Amino acid sequence: MKPTDTELTLLRPLWQSRRLSAREIHDATEASTGWSFSSTRKTLDRMVDKGLIAIEMVHGVKTFIPTTPKLSVLASLIGDFSKNILGSDQPLPAAAFVGSSLISEDEIDELEDLLKDLNEKDAQS
């Protein structure tokens, strides 16, 4: 399942930290969302229901972890953007994301491979 823009906003700090409490996610995203804590919690609950994140208790604290690897989600979104917005059969090259704070240099090569795999799957269908 592909996350919405709002869900991506909450996933970003989770992808960077791997495990966060609702308060930590809220604090990391409040400036960009402008949400109350209860709105963040409600969205996190919906994301759990959708399978985008999972709950793990750590020392009695409910924490959230991403269930979908960051690069898989990004490859899917990049492929959709390329096809649906740009009208291209080829996804954007992963090198276009050099300098991103979300993707490390090492991950760019992995993302390139994922994009290539997605393109090959699309060509077969």
Foldseek 3Di string as FASTA:
>chain_A
DADDPVVVLLVQVQLVVQKDALVVSCVSRCVPPVDDSVVSVVVVVVCVVVQQWHWDADPNGTMIGGPDHPLLNVLVVQCCCCCVPVVDLAGDQLVVCPPPPRADPVVSVVSNVSNVVVSVVVVVD
